[in-house]
Each structure stands twice: as structure tokens, then as C-alpha cells.
Amino acid sequence: MYALMQKREKEMNRKRICEVGLILSGIFVSGAFAQLGILGGSAATAAGAIGTGVTGAGGIASQATASLNGRQDISAGSGIAQSRDIGLVMTQNASLANRVQTLLPAGAGLASASAGFEDTATFLAAAHLAHNLNIPWESLKAETTGKHRRSFARAIAQFRPDLDFASIRNSVKLAEREAAWDCNRAASSGARDRTAARIAANGDLAARVQAILPASVTVASAAAGFASEQEFLTAAELSNMLQIDFPDLKDRLMAGQSLREAARQMKPEMSSESLDAGMKTAAVRGRDLRVESSASASASVRTVR
């Protein structure tokens, strides 16, 4: 009898620990992610965090900034992120509008799609979530807008019951960071990008890279944001090899995912061994592109002389 009582007491203690853990997680997440996060709240708070980069309530910008490896100052997109006039933002930022359009169902208008969302950041995060998790856009929107809107996490749990809490949380974080990157990229439109400029300066390399990118993606837009030429070329080669959509892959990388993690999530059927081999091959091919283009440029110079 005493042994049975001890067993029951241990089980109750474990249950209490789990409950406390969930409560603490809820406190953290609700404060950290607001409407964009796990337990709901004000979307304006989350959008404000993207803009200010302040750690604490909201917290989105601090995580997104860290994930960008110092490439960009995420606060550059604060005005866009917090704007409630989503239609105006899209009108004034054609590249952003074009990118969001690819995340939405064919034929969906930006005006109708964005209606009901509190601000640009929330709309963009929702678009990325629906796209990343293959959730019907209208279904996700219906659950996360309006008077009785639910948090993204609760909506995901409804539509993707196969995902556990950690997967849902990570999916929301990724979408938040992708939205932050979108806003920052739109705010920085027209600014000179070092990696893109280096690729463009080498006509032979630019031509070789364009051949492995989707026809609708320019070399300049594809390379912008990457820390180095090699990083960009490896990603471009891997995208081409594995038949992964490059804009989607880049969004994940700019949001802080490693190349391996992004590829793993986009090609879940691949074994770890195959993925590792593919990444090594992509890195070699990226290096070879640079070497071959440099040799071609040197040969051209000698011919001219």
C-alpha cells in the first residue's frame, strides 16, 4: 500500500511540474509573441517589437535581428511593419507585393487577402504561415482575424494536429522572422547590397548563376542579403539540385534558419545522409562557379591584350 501511495504521489508531482511548465511557457510566449505568438494578444505589440528591436514584450525583433547575423538593421522596417494601411504599403512596395502574391492562392487579391489584419507584420506572418504549413489561406485567415480571432498557434493546432507544441512554436517564430525580413527588405529597397554588387560586377558569373535560378528571379534580387558570394552560390546550387523553390529557401535563410535546417524542412523525405551529401556538392559547385568565372574573366583580359 505504501509503495502504491508513493507511486501515485510521484505521478502527481510530475503532473504538477508539467502544469507549471506549461503555465510558465504560456506567460513567456504570450508576452513574447502577442497575436503573432502562442496565446494571443495585441498584434500592434508584436509589430512594434519588430520596429524597435527591444528585447522583452514582443521580442520578435531581437530574435529576428540576431538571426540575420548582422546583415541588416531590422528597425529599418518598423514603419512598414506597424502600418495599418496594408493596401498603401503594398502599393508603394511592388517587390513586397509581388512576393506576398506568390504566398497566396492563385487569383487572391492583396486587398481582400489583407482585409481584417491589424497591420502589415501580422498579415505577412499569416501569409508565410499558411504557405509554409500548407494550410488553406482562407481557413487560417478566418480563424486569426475578426472579433473572435485566435492566436496563430491555436489556429495551427486546429489545422495541423500532427504538429507538436515545439513544432508549432518554431513555425510561428519562423513566420514572424520572415515577416520582419520582408518589412526590412522593403524599407531598404534601392540600397546597395555588397554581395549582389559583386556578383553583378562579374558578367560571366552572373550569367552562370542566372542559369540555375528560376526565370522569374533576377540575380540581383536573389543575391541581396547574403553575407558572402559563397553563401549565396551554395544556396542557389542546392535549390537547383533539390528542386527547392529558391525564394522560399531564401526567406528561411534570411529569417535565421541554417541552410541544412531549411532544406530539411522543405525536403522532409530526404535522408540526413543524402542531404549532407547534397550540401557538400552544392558548396563545391558554388566554389567552382567562382573559379570558372574568374578563369574566364582572366582569359578574356589576356585575349584583349
C-alpha atoms as a PDB file:
ATOM      1  CA  MET A   1       0.000   0.000   0.000  1.00  0.00           C
ATOM      2  CA  TYR A   2       2.814   2.390   0.931  1.00  0.00           C
ATOM      3  CA  ALA A   3       4.571   1.693  -2.368  1.00  0.00           C
ATOM      4  CA  LEU A   4       1.352   2.405  -4.259  1.00  0.00           C
ATOM      5  CA  MET A   5       0.911   5.709  -2.420  1.00  0.00           C
ATOM      6  CA  GLN A   6       4.484   6.703  -3.267  1.00  0.00           C
ATOM      7  CA  LYS A   7       3.916   5.868  -6.921  1.00  0.00           C
ATOM      8  CA  ARG A   8       0.731   7.962  -7.031  1.00  0.00           C
ATOM      9  CA  GLU A   9       2.492  10.858  -5.299  1.00  0.00           C
ATOM     10  CA  LYS A  10       5.322  10.778  -7.849  1.00  0.00           C
ATOM     11  CA  GLU A  11       2.817  10.778 -10.683  1.00  0.00           C
ATOM     12  CA  MET A  12       1.007  13.770  -9.176  1.00  0.00           C
ATOM     13  CA  ASN A  13       4.318  15.620  -8.752  1.00  0.00           C
ATOM     14  CA  ARG A  14       5.224  15.005 -12.376  1.00  0.00           C
ATOM     15  CA  LYS A  15       1.799  16.267 -13.409  1.00  0.00           C
ATOM     16  CA  ARG A  16       2.204  19.426 -11.313  1.00  0.00           C
ATOM     17  CA  ILE A  17       5.655  20.062 -12.793  1.00  0.00           C
ATOM     18  CA  CYS A  18       4.239  19.744 -16.305  1.00  0.00           C
ATOM     19  CA  GLU A  19       1.392  22.087 -15.453  1.00  0.00           C
ATOM     20  CA  VAL A  20       3.771  24.686 -14.010  1.00  0.00           C
ATOM     21  CA  GLY A  21       5.987  24.358 -17.063  1.00  0.00           C
ATOM     22  CA  LEU A  22       3.041  24.949 -19.371  1.00  0.00           C
ATOM     23  CA  ILE A  23       1.905  27.938 -17.330  1.00  0.00           C
ATOM     24  CA  LEU A  24       5.393  29.477 -17.392  1.00  0.00           C
ATOM     25  CA  SER A  25       5.646  28.771 -21.118  1.00  0.00           C
ATOM     26  CA  GLY A  26       2.314  30.455 -21.612  1.00  0.00           C
ATOM     27  CA  ILE A  27       3.407  33.515 -19.660  1.00  0.00           C
ATOM     28  CA  PHE A  28       6.617  33.769 -21.668  1.00  0.00           C
ATOM     29  CA  VAL A  29       5.027  33.155 -25.025  1.00  0.00           C
ATOM     30  CA  SER A  30       2.048  35.420 -24.543  1.00  0.00           C
ATOM     31  CA  GLY A  31       4.393  38.217 -23.538  1.00  0.00           C
ATOM     32  CA  ALA A  32       6.922  37.471 -26.204  1.00  0.00           C
ATOM     33  CA  PHE A  33       4.790  36.913 -29.250  1.00  0.00           C
ATOM     34  CA  ALA A  34       1.404  38.580 -28.658  1.00  0.00           C
ATOM     35  CA  GLN A  35      -1.041  37.990 -31.535  1.00  0.00           C
ATOM     36  CA  LEU A  36       1.765  36.586 -33.655  1.00  0.00           C
ATOM     37  CA  GLY A  37       2.564  34.116 -30.924  1.00  0.00           C
ATOM     38  CA  ILE A  38       1.073  31.338 -28.910  1.00  0.00           C
ATOM     39  CA  LEU A  39      -1.648  32.668 -26.648  1.00  0.00           C
ATOM     40  CA  GLY A  40      -2.964  35.734 -28.421  1.00  0.00           C
ATOM     41  CA  GLY A  41      -2.754  39.427 -27.568  1.00  0.00           C
ATOM     42  CA  SER A  42      -2.285  42.649 -29.479  1.00  0.00           C
ATOM     43  CA  ALA A  43      -0.782  42.431 -32.930  1.00  0.00           C
ATOM     44  CA  ALA A  44       0.319  46.036 -32.567  1.00  0.00           C
ATOM     45  CA  THR A  45       2.632  44.998 -29.733  1.00  0.00           C
ATOM     46  CA  ALA A  46       4.278  42.400 -31.929  1.00  0.00           C
ATOM     47  CA  ALA A  47       4.592  44.781 -34.850  1.00  0.00           C
ATOM     48  CA  GLY A  48       6.058  47.390 -32.541  1.00  0.00           C
ATOM     49  CA  ALA A  49       8.674  44.907 -31.410  1.00  0.00           C
ATOM     50  CA  ILE A  50       9.708  44.323 -34.996  1.00  0.00           C
ATOM     51  CA  GLY A  51      10.195  48.015 -35.374  1.00  0.00           C
ATOM     52  CA  THR A  52      12.064  48.839 -32.191  1.00  0.00           C
ATOM     53  CA  GLY A  53      14.231  45.800 -31.735  1.00  0.00           C
ATOM     54  CA  VAL A  54      13.625  45.976 -27.979  1.00  0.00           C
ATOM     55  CA  THR A  55      14.004  42.729 -26.079  1.00  0.00           C
ATOM     56  CA  GLY A  56      11.113  41.873 -23.790  1.00  0.00           C
ATOM     57  CA  ALA A  57       7.426  42.002 -24.505  1.00  0.00           C
ATOM     58  CA  GLY A  58       7.101  41.398 -28.179  1.00  0.00           C
ATOM     59  CA  GLY A  59      10.688  40.238 -28.541  1.00  0.00           C
ATOM     60  CA  ILE A  60      10.275  39.472 -32.226  1.00  0.00           C
ATOM     61  CA  ALA A  61      12.792  41.964 -33.494  1.00  0.00           C
ATOM     62  CA  SER A  62      15.546  40.933 -31.127  1.00  0.00           C
ATOM     63  CA  GLN A  63      15.265  37.334 -32.288  1.00  0.00           C
ATOM     64  CA  ALA A  64      14.948  38.304 -35.930  1.00  0.00           C
ATOM     65  CA  THR A  65      17.892  40.691 -35.719  1.00  0.00           C
ATOM     66  CA  ALA A  66      20.087  38.026 -34.155  1.00  0.00           C
ATOM     67  CA  SER A  67      19.012  35.530 -36.768  1.00  0.00           C
ATOM     68  CA  LEU A  68      20.065  37.817 -39.588  1.00  0.00           C
ATOM     69  CA  ASN A  69      23.693  37.525 -38.478  1.00  0.00           C
ATOM     70  CA  GLY A  70      24.194  41.263 -38.510  1.00  0.00           C
ATOM     71  CA  ARG A  71      23.277  41.624 -42.190  1.00  0.00           C
ATOM     72  CA  GLN A  72      20.551  44.192 -41.652  1.00  0.00           C
ATOM     73  CA  ASP A  73      19.209  46.555 -39.006  1.00  0.00           C
ATOM     74  CA  ILE A  74      15.718  45.156 -38.565  1.00  0.00           C
ATOM     75  CA  SER A  75      14.424  48.506 -37.283  1.00  0.00           C
ATOM     76  CA  ALA A  76      14.581  49.808 -40.842  1.00  0.00           C
ATOM     77  CA  GLY A  77      11.241  48.117 -41.497  1.00  0.00           C
ATOM     78  CA  SER A  78       9.443  49.496 -38.441  1.00  0.00           C
ATOM     79  CA  GLY A  79       7.173  51.868 -40.339  1.00  0.00           C
ATOM     80  CA  ILE A  80       6.094  49.169 -42.764  1.00  0.00           C
ATOM     81  CA  ALA A  81       5.637  46.541 -40.040  1.00  0.00           C
ATOM     82  CA  GLN A  82       3.411  48.770 -37.930  1.00  0.00           C
ATOM     83  CA  SER A  83       1.413  50.277 -40.767  1.00  0.00           C
ATOM     84  CA  ARG A  84      -2.314  49.572 -40.587  1.00  0.00           C
ATOM     85  CA  ASP A  85      -2.814  50.748 -44.151  1.00  0.00           C
ATOM     86  CA  ILE A  86      -1.696  47.475 -45.675  1.00  0.00           C
ATOM     87  CA  GLY A  87      -3.052  48.352 -49.102  1.00  0.00           C
ATOM     88  CA  LEU A  88      -0.925  51.507 -49.230  1.00  0.00           C
ATOM     89  CA  VAL A  89       2.164  49.563 -48.159  1.00  0.00           C
ATOM     90  CA  MET A  90       1.652  47.078 -50.976  1.00  0.00           C
ATOM     91  CA  THR A  91       1.029  49.842 -53.499  1.00  0.00           C
ATOM     92  CA  GLN A  92       4.230  51.620 -52.532  1.00  0.00           C
ATOM     93  CA  ASN A  93       6.359  48.463 -52.445  1.00  0.00           C
ATOM     94  CA  ALA A  94       5.921  46.499 -55.656  1.00  0.00           C
ATOM     95  CA  SER A  95       8.578  43.900 -54.836  1.00  0.00           C
ATOM     96  CA  LEU A  96       6.951  43.178 -51.481  1.00  0.00           C
ATOM     97  CA  ALA A  97       3.529  42.934 -53.094  1.00  0.00           C
ATOM     98  CA  ASN A  98       4.866  40.555 -55.735  1.00  0.00           C
ATOM     99  CA  ARG A  99       6.493  38.349 -53.117  1.00  0.00           C
ATOM    100  CA  VAL A 100       3.376  38.172 -50.945  1.00  0.00           C
ATOM    101  CA  GLN A 101       1.294  37.356 -54.002  1.00  0.00           C
ATOM    102  CA  THR A 102       3.343  34.179 -54.506  1.00  0.00           C
ATOM    103  CA  LEU A 103       2.469  33.063 -50.969  1.00  0.00           C
ATOM    104  CA  LEU A 104      -1.267  33.400 -51.528  1.00  0.00           C
ATOM    105  CA  PRO A 105      -3.583  31.175 -53.570  1.00  0.00           C
ATOM    106  CA  ALA A 106      -3.720  31.881 -57.288  1.00  0.00           C
ATOM    107  CA  GLY A 107      -6.208  34.626 -58.020  1.00  0.00           C
ATOM    108  CA  ALA A 108      -6.275  36.004 -54.485  1.00  0.00           C
ATOM    109  CA  GLY A 109      -6.252  39.804 -54.433  1.00  0.00           C
ATOM    110  CA  LEU A 110      -3.994  41.557 -51.950  1.00  0.00           C
ATOM    111  CA  ALA A 111      -6.754  43.941 -50.868  1.00  0.00           C
ATOM    112  CA  SER A 112      -9.183  41.181 -49.948  1.00  0.00           C
ATOM    113  CA  ALA A 113      -6.466  38.920 -48.535  1.00  0.00           C
ATOM    114  CA  SER A 114      -5.132  41.578 -46.165  1.00  0.00           C
ATOM    115  CA  ALA A 115      -8.550  42.829 -45.037  1.00  0.00           C
ATOM    116  CA  GLY A 116      -9.114  42.201 -41.345  1.00  0.00           C
ATOM    117  CA  PHE A 117      -5.485  42.053 -40.258  1.00  0.00           C
ATOM    118  CA  GLU A 118      -4.386  44.747 -37.829  1.00  0.00           C
ATOM    119  CA  ASP A 119      -1.124  45.645 -39.530  1.00  0.00           C
ATOM    120  CA  THR A 120       1.322  44.663 -42.240  1.00  0.00           C
ATOM    121  CA  ALA A 121       3.501  42.487 -39.986  1.00  0.00           C
ATOM    122  CA  THR A 122       0.567  40.347 -38.918  1.00  0.00           C
ATOM    123  CA  PHE A 123      -0.663  39.917 -42.486  1.00  0.00           C
ATOM    124  CA  LEU A 124       2.792  38.929 -43.740  1.00  0.00           C
ATOM    125  CA  ALA A 125       3.327  36.438 -40.919  1.00  0.00           C
ATOM    126  CA  ALA A 126      -0.053  34.858 -41.646  1.00  0.00           C
ATOM    127  CA  ALA A 127       0.779  34.548 -45.336  1.00  0.00           C
ATOM    128  CA  HIS A 128       4.071  32.838 -44.564  1.00  0.00           C
ATOM    129  CA  LEU A 129       2.450  30.504 -42.031  1.00  0.00           C
ATOM    130  CA  ALA A 130      -0.251  29.346 -44.423  1.00  0.00           C
ATOM    131  CA  HIS A 131       2.320  28.844 -47.173  1.00  0.00           C
ATOM    132  CA  ASN A 132       4.923  27.080 -45.039  1.00  0.00           C
ATOM    133  CA  LEU A 133       2.468  24.683 -43.406  1.00  0.00           C
ATOM    134  CA  ASN A 134       0.163  24.133 -46.387  1.00  0.00           C
ATOM    135  CA  ILE A 135      -2.857  25.466 -44.521  1.00  0.00           C
ATOM    136  CA  PRO A 136      -5.662  26.837 -46.730  1.00  0.00           C
ATOM    137  CA  TRP A 137      -5.309  30.604 -46.680  1.00  0.00           C
ATOM    138  CA  GLU A 138      -8.983  31.430 -46.207  1.00  0.00           C
ATOM    139  CA  SER A 139      -9.230  28.952 -43.333  1.00  0.00           C
ATOM    140  CA  LEU A 140      -6.254  30.418 -41.473  1.00  0.00           C
ATOM    141  CA  LYS A 141      -7.429  33.954 -42.113  1.00  0.00           C
ATOM    142  CA  ALA A 142     -10.931  33.208 -40.848  1.00  0.00           C
ATOM    143  CA  GLU A 143      -9.504  31.895 -37.572  1.00  0.00           C
ATOM    144  CA  THR A 144      -6.997  34.697 -36.987  1.00  0.00           C
ATOM    145  CA  THR A 145      -8.986  37.827 -37.902  1.00  0.00           C
ATOM    146  CA  GLY A 146     -12.193  39.374 -36.672  1.00  0.00           C
ATOM    147  CA  LYS A 147     -13.664  39.987 -33.255  1.00  0.00           C
ATOM    148  CA  HIS A 148     -13.114  36.448 -32.030  1.00  0.00           C
ATOM    149  CA  ARG A 149      -9.736  35.886 -33.645  1.00  0.00           C
ATOM    150  CA  ARG A 150      -7.460  33.202 -32.291  1.00  0.00           C
ATOM    151  CA  SER A 151      -3.698  33.199 -31.992  1.00  0.00           C
ATOM    152  CA  PHE A 152      -1.724  31.713 -34.848  1.00  0.00           C
ATOM    153  CA  ALA A 153      -0.621  28.809 -32.674  1.00  0.00           C
ATOM    154  CA  ARG A 154      -4.143  27.807 -31.741  1.00  0.00           C
ATOM    155  CA  ALA A 155      -5.222  28.014 -35.352  1.00  0.00           C
ATOM    156  CA  ILE A 156      -2.266  25.865 -36.418  1.00  0.00           C
ATOM    157  CA  ALA A 157      -3.125  23.276 -33.772  1.00  0.00           C
ATOM    158  CA  GLN A 158      -6.585  23.036 -35.280  1.00  0.00           C
ATOM    159  CA  PHE A 159      -5.490  22.663 -38.894  1.00  0.00           C
ATOM    160  CA  ARG A 160      -2.285  20.689 -38.282  1.00  0.00           C
ATOM    161  CA  PRO A 161      -3.000  18.310 -35.384  1.00  0.00           C
ATOM    162  CA  ASP A 162       0.051  16.303 -36.466  1.00  0.00           C
ATOM    163  CA  LEU A 163       2.378  19.043 -35.150  1.00  0.00           C
ATOM    164  CA  ASP A 164       3.533  19.099 -31.539  1.00  0.00           C
ATOM    165  CA  PHE A 165       3.896  22.217 -29.411  1.00  0.00           C
ATOM    166  CA  ALA A 166       7.569  22.734 -30.258  1.00  0.00           C
ATOM    167  CA  SER A 167       6.922  22.463 -33.991  1.00  0.00           C
ATOM    168  CA  ILE A 168       4.044  24.929 -33.778  1.00  0.00           C
ATOM    169  CA  ARG A 169       6.113  27.382 -31.754  1.00  0.00           C
ATOM    170  CA  ASN A 170       9.025  27.148 -34.190  1.00  0.00           C
ATOM    171  CA  SER A 171       6.696  27.607 -37.158  1.00  0.00           C
ATOM    172  CA  VAL A 172       5.289  30.794 -35.654  1.00  0.00           C
ATOM    173  CA  LYS A 173       8.774  32.103 -34.884  1.00  0.00           C
ATOM    174  CA  LEU A 174       9.895  31.410 -38.434  1.00  0.00           C
ATOM    175  CA  ALA A 175       6.890  33.226 -39.912  1.00  0.00           C
ATOM    176  CA  GLU A 176       7.490  36.206 -37.613  1.00  0.00           C
ATOM    177  CA  ARG A 177      11.100  36.441 -38.721  1.00  0.00           C
ATOM    178  CA  GLU A 178      10.163  36.073 -42.368  1.00  0.00           C
ATOM    179  CA  ALA A 179       7.687  38.927 -41.931  1.00  0.00           C
ATOM    180  CA  ALA A 180      10.387  41.031 -40.252  1.00  0.00           C
ATOM    181  CA  TRP A 181      12.751  40.337 -43.139  1.00  0.00           C
ATOM    182  CA  ASP A 182      10.045  41.252 -45.663  1.00  0.00           C
ATOM    183  CA  CYS A 183       9.469  44.607 -43.961  1.00  0.00           C
ATOM    184  CA  ASN A 184      13.160  45.364 -43.670  1.00  0.00           C
ATOM    185  CA  ARG A 185      13.841  44.401 -47.274  1.00  0.00           C
ATOM    186  CA  ALA A 186      11.014  46.641 -48.481  1.00  0.00           C
ATOM    187  CA  ALA A 187      12.273  49.553 -46.387  1.00  0.00           C
ATOM    188  CA  SER A 188      15.803  49.058 -47.741  1.00  0.00           C
ATOM    189  CA  SER A 189      14.717  48.791 -51.369  1.00  0.00           C
ATOM    190  CA  GLY A 190      17.180  50.550 -53.656  1.00  0.00           C
ATOM    191  CA  ALA A 191      20.060  50.388 -51.181  1.00  0.00           C
ATOM    192  CA  ARG A 192      23.328  48.948 -52.484  1.00  0.00           C
ATOM    193  CA  ASP A 193      23.935  45.345 -51.460  1.00  0.00           C
ATOM    194  CA  ARG A 194      27.575  44.254 -51.351  1.00  0.00           C
ATOM    195  CA  THR A 195      27.069  40.617 -52.346  1.00  0.00           C
ATOM    196  CA  ALA A 196      24.655  41.447 -55.144  1.00  0.00           C
ATOM    197  CA  ALA A 197      27.032  44.129 -56.436  1.00  0.00           C
ATOM    198  CA  ARG A 198      29.975  41.718 -56.507  1.00  0.00           C
ATOM    199  CA  ILE A 199      28.006  39.104 -58.427  1.00  0.00           C
ATOM    200  CA  ALA A 200      26.714  41.691 -60.903  1.00  0.00           C
ATOM    201  CA  ALA A 201      30.223  43.059 -61.473  1.00  0.00           C
ATOM    202  CA  ASN A 202      31.280  39.698 -62.869  1.00  0.00           C
ATOM    203  CA  GLY A 203      29.192  39.282 -66.008  1.00  0.00           C
ATOM    204  CA  ASP A 204      30.246  35.673 -66.602  1.00  0.00           C
ATOM    205  CA  LEU A 205      29.415  34.648 -63.037  1.00  0.00           C
ATOM    206  CA  ALA A 206      26.080  36.480 -63.148  1.00  0.00           C
ATOM    207  CA  ALA A 207      25.154  34.627 -66.348  1.00  0.00           C
ATOM    208  CA  ARG A 208      26.112  31.257 -64.856  1.00  0.00           C
ATOM    209  CA  VAL A 209      24.080  31.948 -61.725  1.00  0.00           C
ATOM    210  CA  GLN A 210      21.048  33.142 -63.662  1.00  0.00           C
ATOM    211  CA  ALA A 211      21.002  29.773 -65.431  1.00  0.00           C
ATOM    212  CA  ILE A 212      20.342  27.933 -62.158  1.00  0.00           C
ATOM    213  CA  LEU A 213      17.791  30.391 -60.760  1.00  0.00           C
ATOM    214  CA  PRO A 214      14.085  30.432 -61.596  1.00  0.00           C
ATOM    215  CA  ALA A 215      13.392  32.520 -64.683  1.00  0.00           C
ATOM    216  CA  SER A 216      11.314  34.979 -62.638  1.00  0.00           C
ATOM    217  CA  VAL A 217      14.158  35.673 -60.164  1.00  0.00           C
ATOM    218  CA  THR A 218      16.939  38.105 -61.009  1.00  0.00           C
ATOM    219  CA  VAL A 219      20.498  37.590 -59.828  1.00  0.00           C
ATOM    220  CA  ALA A 220      20.495  40.949 -58.048  1.00  0.00           C
ATOM    221  CA  SER A 221      17.346  40.232 -56.027  1.00  0.00           C
ATOM    222  CA  ALA A 222      18.438  36.670 -55.308  1.00  0.00           C
ATOM    223  CA  ALA A 223      21.898  37.600 -54.005  1.00  0.00           C
ATOM    224  CA  ALA A 224      20.787  40.577 -51.905  1.00  0.00           C
ATOM    225  CA  GLY A 225      21.004  39.909 -48.181  1.00  0.00           C
ATOM    226  CA  PHE A 226      23.534  37.075 -48.251  1.00  0.00           C
ATOM    227  CA  ALA A 227      26.686  37.605 -46.209  1.00  0.00           C
ATOM    228  CA  SER A 228      29.015  36.351 -48.934  1.00  0.00           C
ATOM    229  CA  GLU A 229      29.145  35.175 -52.530  1.00  0.00           C
ATOM    230  CA  GLN A 230      29.902  31.612 -51.442  1.00  0.00           C
ATOM    231  CA  GLU A 231      26.909  31.516 -49.113  1.00  0.00           C
ATOM    232  CA  PHE A 232      24.631  32.695 -51.905  1.00  0.00           C
ATOM    233  CA  LEU A 233      26.080  30.384 -54.549  1.00  0.00           C
ATOM    234  CA  THR A 234      25.812  27.342 -52.284  1.00  0.00           C
ATOM    235  CA  ALA A 235      22.157  28.126 -51.577  1.00  0.00           C
ATOM    236  CA  ALA A 236      21.434  28.684 -55.270  1.00  0.00           C
ATOM    237  CA  GLU A 237      23.121  25.418 -56.240  1.00  0.00           C
ATOM    238  CA  LEU A 238      21.326  23.428 -53.529  1.00  0.00           C
ATOM    239  CA  SER A 239      17.990  24.916 -54.555  1.00  0.00           C
ATOM    240  CA  ASN A 240      18.621  23.901 -58.139  1.00  0.00           C
ATOM    241  CA  MET A 241      19.864  20.409 -57.248  1.00  0.00           C
ATOM    242  CA  LEU A 242      16.999  19.551 -54.907  1.00  0.00           C
ATOM    243  CA  GLN A 243      14.358  21.402 -56.914  1.00  0.00           C
ATOM    244  CA  ILE A 244      13.545  23.639 -53.942  1.00  0.00           C
ATOM    245  CA  ASP A 245      11.848  26.955 -54.598  1.00  0.00           C
ATOM    246  CA  PHE A 246      14.645  29.496 -54.225  1.00  0.00           C
ATOM    247  CA  PRO A 247      12.553  32.442 -52.915  1.00  0.00           C
ATOM    248  CA  ASP A 248      11.120  30.173 -50.206  1.00  0.00           C
ATOM    249  CA  LEU A 249      14.575  28.877 -49.320  1.00  0.00           C
ATOM    250  CA  LYS A 250      15.994  32.385 -49.160  1.00  0.00           C
ATOM    251  CA  ASP A 251      13.155  33.593 -46.924  1.00  0.00           C
ATOM    252  CA  ARG A 252      14.001  30.868 -44.451  1.00  0.00           C
ATOM    253  CA  LEU A 253      17.725  31.657 -44.551  1.00  0.00           C
ATOM    254  CA  MET A 254      17.148  35.376 -44.074  1.00  0.00           C
ATOM    255  CA  ALA A 255      14.856  34.517 -41.160  1.00  0.00           C
ATOM    256  CA  GLY A 256      17.720  32.738 -39.440  1.00  0.00           C
ATOM    257  CA  GLN A 257      17.426  29.083 -40.384  1.00  0.00           C
ATOM    258  CA  SER A 258      20.606  27.288 -41.355  1.00  0.00           C
ATOM    259  CA  LEU A 259      20.804  26.001 -44.910  1.00  0.00           C
ATOM    260  CA  ARG A 260      20.596  22.437 -43.657  1.00  0.00           C
ATOM    261  CA  GLU A 261      17.550  23.055 -41.474  1.00  0.00           C
ATOM    262  CA  ALA A 262      15.741  24.961 -44.212  1.00  0.00           C
ATOM    263  CA  ALA A 263      16.432  22.246 -46.775  1.00  0.00           C
ATOM    264  CA  ARG A 264      15.437  19.525 -44.325  1.00  0.00           C
ATOM    265  CA  GLN A 265      12.064  21.118 -43.706  1.00  0.00           C
ATOM    266  CA  MET A 266      11.454  21.737 -47.390  1.00  0.00           C
ATOM    267  CA  LYS A 267      12.536  18.207 -48.387  1.00  0.00           C
ATOM    268  CA  PRO A 268      11.450  16.085 -45.390  1.00  0.00           C
ATOM    269  CA  GLU A 269      11.566  12.906 -47.439  1.00  0.00           C
ATOM    270  CA  MET A 270      15.352  13.150 -47.851  1.00  0.00           C
ATOM    271  CA  SER A 271      17.593  11.169 -45.541  1.00  0.00           C
ATOM    272  CA  SER A 272      20.185  13.021 -43.464  1.00  0.00           C
ATOM    273  CA  GLU A 273      22.959  11.311 -45.390  1.00  0.00           C
ATOM    274  CA  SER A 274      21.563  12.390 -48.765  1.00  0.00           C
ATOM    275  CA  LEU A 275      21.026  15.940 -47.551  1.00  0.00           C
ATOM    276  CA  ASP A 276      24.561  16.208 -46.174  1.00  0.00           C
ATOM    277  CA  ALA A 277      25.985  14.878 -49.433  1.00  0.00           C
ATOM    278  CA  GLY A 278      23.859  17.333 -51.401  1.00  0.00           C
ATOM    279  CA  MET A 279      25.070  20.265 -49.311  1.00  0.00           C
ATOM    280  CA  LYS A 280      28.699  19.299 -49.822  1.00  0.00           C
ATOM    281  CA  THR A 281      28.147  19.025 -53.554  1.00  0.00           C
ATOM    282  CA  ALA A 282      26.361  22.387 -53.626  1.00  0.00           C
ATOM    283  CA  ALA A 283      29.242  24.044 -51.791  1.00  0.00           C
ATOM    284  CA  VAL A 284      31.755  22.572 -54.268  1.00  0.00           C
ATOM    285  CA  ARG A 285      29.662  23.648 -57.235  1.00  0.00           C
ATOM    286  CA  GLY A 286      29.332  27.142 -55.812  1.00  0.00           C
ATOM    287  CA  ARG A 287      33.086  27.378 -55.394  1.00  0.00           C
ATOM    288  CA  ASP A 288      33.613  26.033 -58.908  1.00  0.00           C
ATOM    289  CA  LEU A 289      31.309  28.698 -60.322  1.00  0.00           C
ATOM    290  CA  ARG A 290      33.514  31.401 -58.866  1.00  0.00           C
ATOM    291  CA  VAL A 291      36.745  29.745 -60.002  1.00  0.00           C
ATOM    292  CA  GLU A 292      35.488  29.125 -63.531  1.00  0.00           C
ATOM    293  CA  SER A 293      34.136  32.638 -63.919  1.00  0.00           C
ATOM    294  CA  SER A 294      37.407  34.122 -62.648  1.00  0.00           C
ATOM    295  CA  ALA A 295      39.365  31.981 -65.115  1.00  0.00           C
ATOM    296  CA  SER A 296      37.039  33.074 -67.910  1.00  0.00           C
ATOM    297  CA  ALA A 297      37.493  36.714 -66.979  1.00  0.00           C
ATOM    298  CA  SER A 298      41.293  36.333 -66.910  1.00  0.00           C
ATOM    299  CA  ALA A 299      41.250  34.643 -70.293  1.00  0.00           C
ATOM    300  CA  SER A 300      39.182  37.486 -71.727  1.00  0.00           C
ATOM    301  CA  VAL A 301      41.651  40.045 -70.426  1.00  0.00           C
ATOM    302  CA  ARG A 302      44.587  38.187 -71.976  1.00  0.00           C
ATOM    303  CA  THR A 303      42.733  37.978 -75.299  1.00  0.00           C
ATOM    304  CA  VAL A 304      42.106  41.717 -75.302  1.00  0.00           C
ATOM    305  CA  ARG A 305      45.767  42.409 -74.615  1.00  0.00           C
END
